[in-house]
Amino acid sequence: MSWETSDRRARLPRDWPVRRQRVLRAASYRCQIKAHGIPCGEPAAEVDHIERGDDHSYENLQAICRWHHARKTAAEAAAARKPRPTQRREPERHPGLA
């Protein structure tokens, strides 16, 4: 989903710039995503919601690098999509194999 067609920005709290800066500062501008229990640690300039939705509490926000943010967002979008129906028919049993 692109920002042009999204209402996400309008749903952010008025103090979002302040919250964003506090989260980034608290994380020392380092990515908080953990891989095998170890934080990524790459430079972070983005703030992400840990759990999807409109919970903008500090407990639900984390500093995240661009690479991890793109992958997390893509995974969440893929999980939210409805599976496409398959076009394949079930194979018919051979009439001679009754």
N, C-alpha and C. Protein backbone atom coordinates (compact mmCIF):
# COMPACT_ATOMS: atom_id res chain seq x y z
N MET A 1 0.86 -1.17 0.00
CA MET A 1 0.00 0.00 0.00
C MET A 1 0.90 1.23 0.00
N SER A 2 0.60 2.17 -0.83
CA SER A 2 1.40 3.39 -0.89
C SER A 2 0.78 4.45 0.01
N TRP A 3 1.60 5.43 0.39
CA TRP A 3 1.13 6.51 1.25
C TRP A 3 0.06 7.34 0.56
N GLU A 4 0.08 7.39 -0.78
CA GLU A 4 -0.89 8.22 -1.50
C GLU A 4 -2.33 7.75 -1.28
N THR A 5 -2.52 6.46 -1.15
CA THR A 5 -3.88 5.91 -1.00
C THR A 5 -4.18 5.47 0.44
N SER A 6 -3.25 5.69 1.35
CA SER A 6 -3.40 5.23 2.73
C SER A 6 -3.90 6.35 3.64
N ASP A 7 -4.66 5.96 4.67
CA ASP A 7 -5.07 6.93 5.68
C ASP A 7 -4.21 6.77 6.95
N ARG A 8 -3.16 6.00 6.83
CA ARG A 8 -2.29 5.69 7.98
C ARG A 8 -1.73 6.95 8.63
N ARG A 9 -1.24 7.88 7.84
CA ARG A 9 -0.65 9.10 8.39
C ARG A 9 -1.69 9.91 9.18
N ALA A 10 -2.92 9.94 8.72
CA ALA A 10 -3.97 10.68 9.41
C ALA A 10 -4.32 10.03 10.75
N ARG A 11 -4.06 8.72 10.89
CA ARG A 11 -4.37 8.02 12.13
C ARG A 11 -3.27 8.13 13.18
N LEU A 12 -2.12 8.70 12.81
CA LEU A 12 -1.04 8.87 13.78
C LEU A 12 -1.41 9.96 14.77
N PRO A 13 -0.94 9.85 16.01
CA PRO A 13 -1.26 10.89 17.00
C PRO A 13 -0.58 12.21 16.64
N ARG A 14 -1.13 13.28 17.17
CA ARG A 14 -0.59 14.62 16.87
C ARG A 14 0.87 14.75 17.27
N ASP A 15 1.25 14.07 18.35
CA ASP A 15 2.62 14.18 18.83
C ASP A 15 3.55 13.12 18.22
N TRP A 16 3.21 12.58 17.07
CA TRP A 16 4.01 11.54 16.45
C TRP A 16 5.47 11.94 16.25
N PRO A 17 5.77 13.15 15.77
CA PRO A 17 7.19 13.51 15.62
C PRO A 17 7.97 13.43 16.94
N VAL A 18 7.33 13.80 18.04
CA VAL A 18 7.99 13.73 19.34
C VAL A 18 8.18 12.28 19.75
N ARG A 19 7.14 11.46 19.60
CA ARG A 19 7.24 10.03 19.93
C ARG A 19 8.34 9.37 19.11
N ARG A 20 8.36 9.68 17.82
CA ARG A 20 9.34 9.08 16.91
C ARG A 20 10.76 9.41 17.38
N GLN A 21 11.01 10.67 17.68
CA GLN A 21 12.35 11.07 18.14
C GLN A 21 12.71 10.41 19.46
N ARG A 22 11.76 10.29 20.38
CA ARG A 22 12.05 9.66 21.67
C ARG A 22 12.42 8.19 21.50
N VAL A 23 11.69 7.49 20.62
CA VAL A 23 11.97 6.08 20.38
C VAL A 23 13.36 5.93 19.74
N LEU A 24 13.66 6.74 18.77
CA LEU A 24 14.98 6.66 18.11
C LEU A 24 16.11 6.99 19.10
N ARG A 25 15.93 8.03 19.90
CA ARG A 25 16.96 8.40 20.88
C ARG A 25 17.16 7.30 21.92
N ALA A 26 16.05 6.74 22.41
CA ALA A 26 16.14 5.67 23.42
C ALA A 26 16.92 4.47 22.89
N ALA A 27 16.83 4.24 21.58
CA ALA A 27 17.53 3.11 20.96
C ALA A 27 18.90 3.53 20.42
N SER A 28 19.31 4.75 20.71
CA SER A 28 20.58 5.29 20.20
C SER A 28 20.66 5.20 18.68
N TYR A 29 19.50 5.37 18.04
CA TYR A 29 19.39 5.35 16.58
C TYR A 29 19.93 4.04 16.00
N ARG A 30 19.69 2.93 16.70
CA ARG A 30 20.10 1.60 16.25
C ARG A 30 18.89 0.69 16.13
N CYS A 31 18.90 -0.18 15.12
CA CYS A 31 17.80 -1.11 14.86
C CYS A 31 17.63 -2.07 16.03
N GLN A 32 16.39 -2.23 16.47
CA GLN A 32 16.06 -3.07 17.62
C GLN A 32 15.60 -4.47 17.24
N ILE A 33 15.45 -4.75 15.95
CA ILE A 33 15.02 -6.08 15.52
C ILE A 33 16.08 -7.10 15.92
N LYS A 34 15.62 -8.20 16.51
CA LYS A 34 16.55 -9.22 16.97
C LYS A 34 16.55 -10.42 16.01
N ALA A 35 17.74 -10.89 15.70
CA ALA A 35 17.92 -12.11 14.92
C ALA A 35 18.73 -13.06 15.80
N HIS A 36 18.17 -14.18 16.11
CA HIS A 36 18.82 -15.17 16.98
C HIS A 36 19.15 -14.55 18.35
N GLY A 37 18.27 -13.66 18.82
CA GLY A 37 18.44 -13.06 20.14
C GLY A 37 19.38 -11.87 20.19
N ILE A 38 19.98 -11.52 19.06
CA ILE A 38 20.93 -10.41 19.02
C ILE A 38 20.33 -9.26 18.22
N PRO A 39 20.29 -8.04 18.81
CA PRO A 39 19.76 -6.90 18.05
C PRO A 39 20.58 -6.64 16.79
N CYS A 40 19.91 -6.24 15.74
CA CYS A 40 20.56 -5.94 14.46
C CYS A 40 21.66 -4.90 14.67
N GLY A 41 21.31 -3.75 15.28
CA GLY A 41 22.31 -2.74 15.58
C GLY A 41 22.67 -1.81 14.44
N GLU A 42 22.12 -2.05 13.26
CA GLU A 42 22.39 -1.14 12.14
C GLU A 42 21.75 0.22 12.42
N PRO A 43 22.23 1.28 11.78
CA PRO A 43 21.61 2.60 11.99
C PRO A 43 20.11 2.56 11.67
N ALA A 44 19.32 3.16 12.55
CA ALA A 44 17.87 3.18 12.39
C ALA A 44 17.39 4.62 12.25
N ALA A 45 16.58 4.86 11.24
CA ALA A 45 15.98 6.18 11.05
C ALA A 45 14.46 6.07 10.97
N GLU A 46 13.93 4.87 11.19
CA GLU A 46 12.50 4.64 11.09
C GLU A 46 11.98 4.07 12.40
N VAL A 47 10.70 4.31 12.68
CA VAL A 47 10.04 3.78 13.87
C VAL A 47 8.89 2.91 13.41
N ASP A 48 8.81 1.72 13.99
CA ASP A 48 7.82 0.73 13.57
C ASP A 48 6.96 0.31 14.75
N HIS A 49 5.72 -0.05 14.45
CA HIS A 49 4.83 -0.62 15.46
C HIS A 49 5.18 -2.10 15.60
N ILE A 50 5.41 -2.54 16.81
CA ILE A 50 5.74 -3.94 17.05
C ILE A 50 4.55 -4.81 16.67
N GLU A 51 3.39 -4.48 17.20
CA GLU A 51 2.14 -5.16 16.84
C GLU A 51 1.37 -4.25 15.89
N ARG A 52 0.83 -4.82 14.84
CA ARG A 52 0.07 -4.04 13.86
C ARG A 52 -1.12 -3.36 14.51
N GLY A 53 -1.51 -2.25 13.94
CA GLY A 53 -2.69 -1.55 14.43
C GLY A 53 -2.37 -0.12 14.82
N ASP A 54 -3.25 0.45 15.60
CA ASP A 54 -3.14 1.85 15.97
C ASP A 54 -2.73 2.06 17.42
N ASP A 55 -2.01 1.11 17.99
CA ASP A 55 -1.48 1.29 19.33
C ASP A 55 -0.15 2.04 19.20
N HIS A 56 -0.17 3.33 19.50
CA HIS A 56 1.01 4.17 19.34
C HIS A 56 1.74 4.39 20.66
N SER A 57 1.52 3.50 21.62
CA SER A 57 2.20 3.61 22.91
C SER A 57 3.69 3.33 22.72
N TYR A 58 4.50 3.89 23.60
CA TYR A 58 5.95 3.70 23.50
C TYR A 58 6.33 2.22 23.60
N GLU A 59 5.55 1.46 24.34
CA GLU A 59 5.84 0.03 24.48
C GLU A 59 5.64 -0.73 23.17
N ASN A 60 4.86 -0.17 22.26
CA ASN A 60 4.58 -0.84 20.99
C ASN A 60 5.39 -0.24 19.83
N LEU A 61 6.36 0.59 20.13
CA LEU A 61 7.17 1.22 19.08
C LEU A 61 8.62 0.79 19.22
N GLN A 62 9.28 0.66 18.07
CA GLN A 62 10.69 0.29 18.09
C GLN A 62 11.43 0.99 16.95
N ALA A 63 12.70 1.28 17.20
CA ALA A 63 13.56 1.82 16.15
C ALA A 63 13.92 0.66 15.23
N ILE A 64 13.95 0.95 13.93
CA ILE A 64 14.18 -0.13 12.97
C ILE A 64 14.93 0.42 11.75
N CYS A 65 15.83 -0.39 11.21
CA CYS A 65 16.56 0.03 10.01
C CYS A 65 15.65 -0.15 8.79
N ARG A 66 16.01 0.51 7.71
CA ARG A 66 15.20 0.46 6.49
C ARG A 66 15.06 -0.97 5.98
N TRP A 67 16.14 -1.73 6.02
CA TRP A 67 16.14 -3.10 5.49
C TRP A 67 15.13 -3.96 6.24
N HIS A 68 15.19 -3.95 7.59
CA HIS A 68 14.26 -4.76 8.37
C HIS A 68 12.82 -4.24 8.26
N HIS A 69 12.65 -2.92 8.17
CA HIS A 69 11.31 -2.37 8.06
C HIS A 69 10.64 -2.82 6.77
N ALA A 70 11.38 -2.81 5.67
CA ALA A 70 10.82 -3.25 4.38
C ALA A 70 10.43 -4.72 4.44
N ARG A 71 11.27 -5.55 5.04
CA ARG A 71 10.96 -6.98 5.11
C ARG A 71 9.80 -7.27 6.05
N LYS A 72 9.74 -6.57 7.18
CA LYS A 72 8.64 -6.78 8.13
C LYS A 72 7.32 -6.34 7.51
N THR A 73 7.32 -5.20 6.85
CA THR A 73 6.10 -4.70 6.21
C THR A 73 5.64 -5.64 5.10
N ALA A 74 6.58 -6.14 4.29
CA ALA A 74 6.23 -7.07 3.21
C ALA A 74 5.64 -8.36 3.78
N ALA A 75 6.22 -8.87 4.85
CA ALA A 75 5.72 -10.10 5.47
C ALA A 75 4.32 -9.89 6.04
N GLU A 76 4.09 -8.74 6.68
CA GLU A 76 2.76 -8.45 7.23
C GLU A 76 1.73 -8.30 6.11
N ALA A 77 2.12 -7.67 5.02
CA ALA A 77 1.19 -7.49 3.89
C ALA A 77 0.86 -8.84 3.26
N ALA A 78 1.86 -9.71 3.12
CA ALA A 78 1.63 -11.03 2.53
C ALA A 78 0.71 -11.86 3.43
N ALA A 79 0.90 -11.75 4.73
CA ALA A 79 0.06 -12.51 5.66
C ALA A 79 -1.39 -12.01 5.65
N ALA A 80 -1.58 -10.73 5.35
CA ALA A 80 -2.92 -10.16 5.35
C ALA A 80 -3.69 -10.45 4.07
N ARG A 81 -2.97 -10.79 3.00
CA ARG A 81 -3.64 -11.07 1.72
C ARG A 81 -4.41 -12.38 1.79
N LYS A 82 -5.52 -12.41 1.07
CA LYS A 82 -6.29 -13.64 0.96
C LYS A 82 -5.58 -14.56 -0.03
N PRO A 83 -5.53 -15.83 0.28
CA PRO A 83 -4.89 -16.74 -0.67
C PRO A 83 -5.69 -16.81 -1.97
N ARG A 84 -4.99 -16.88 -3.05
CA ARG A 84 -5.65 -17.00 -4.36
C ARG A 84 -6.16 -18.41 -4.55
N PRO A 85 -7.33 -18.54 -5.12
CA PRO A 85 -7.82 -19.89 -5.40
C PRO A 85 -6.95 -20.53 -6.49
N THR A 86 -6.74 -21.80 -6.34
CA THR A 86 -5.93 -22.49 -7.34
C THR A 86 -6.77 -22.78 -8.57
N GLN A 87 -6.15 -22.79 -9.70
CA GLN A 87 -6.82 -23.07 -10.97
C GLN A 87 -6.72 -24.55 -11.33
N ARG A 88 -5.99 -25.29 -10.52
CA ARG A 88 -5.78 -26.70 -10.84
C ARG A 88 -6.91 -27.56 -10.30
N ARG A 89 -7.29 -28.51 -11.10
CA ARG A 89 -8.30 -29.48 -10.65
C ARG A 89 -7.58 -30.64 -9.97
N GLU A 90 -8.31 -31.30 -9.10
CA GLU A 90 -7.77 -32.50 -8.49
C GLU A 90 -7.60 -33.56 -9.58
N PRO A 91 -6.52 -34.30 -9.56
CA PRO A 91 -6.34 -35.34 -10.60
C PRO A 91 -7.42 -36.41 -10.48
N GLU A 92 -7.92 -36.83 -11.62
CA GLU A 92 -8.94 -37.88 -11.63
C GLU A 92 -8.29 -39.24 -11.52
N ARG A 93 -8.97 -40.10 -10.80
CA ARG A 93 -8.46 -41.47 -10.66
C ARG A 93 -8.63 -42.21 -11.99
N HIS A 94 -7.63 -42.94 -12.38
CA HIS A 94 -7.67 -43.69 -13.62
C HIS A 94 -8.78 -44.74 -13.56
N PRO A 95 -9.63 -44.81 -14.61
CA PRO A 95 -10.77 -45.74 -14.56
C PRO A 95 -10.36 -47.20 -14.47
N GLY A 96 -9.18 -47.54 -14.93
CA GLY A 96 -8.74 -48.94 -14.89
C GLY A 96 -8.16 -49.33 -13.55
N LEU A 97 -8.01 -48.38 -12.62
CA LEU A 97 -7.42 -48.67 -11.32
C LEU A 97 -8.47 -48.72 -10.22
N ALA A 98 -9.62 -49.23 -10.52
CA ALA A 98 -10.72 -49.28 -9.54
C ALA A 98 -10.41 -50.26 -8.53
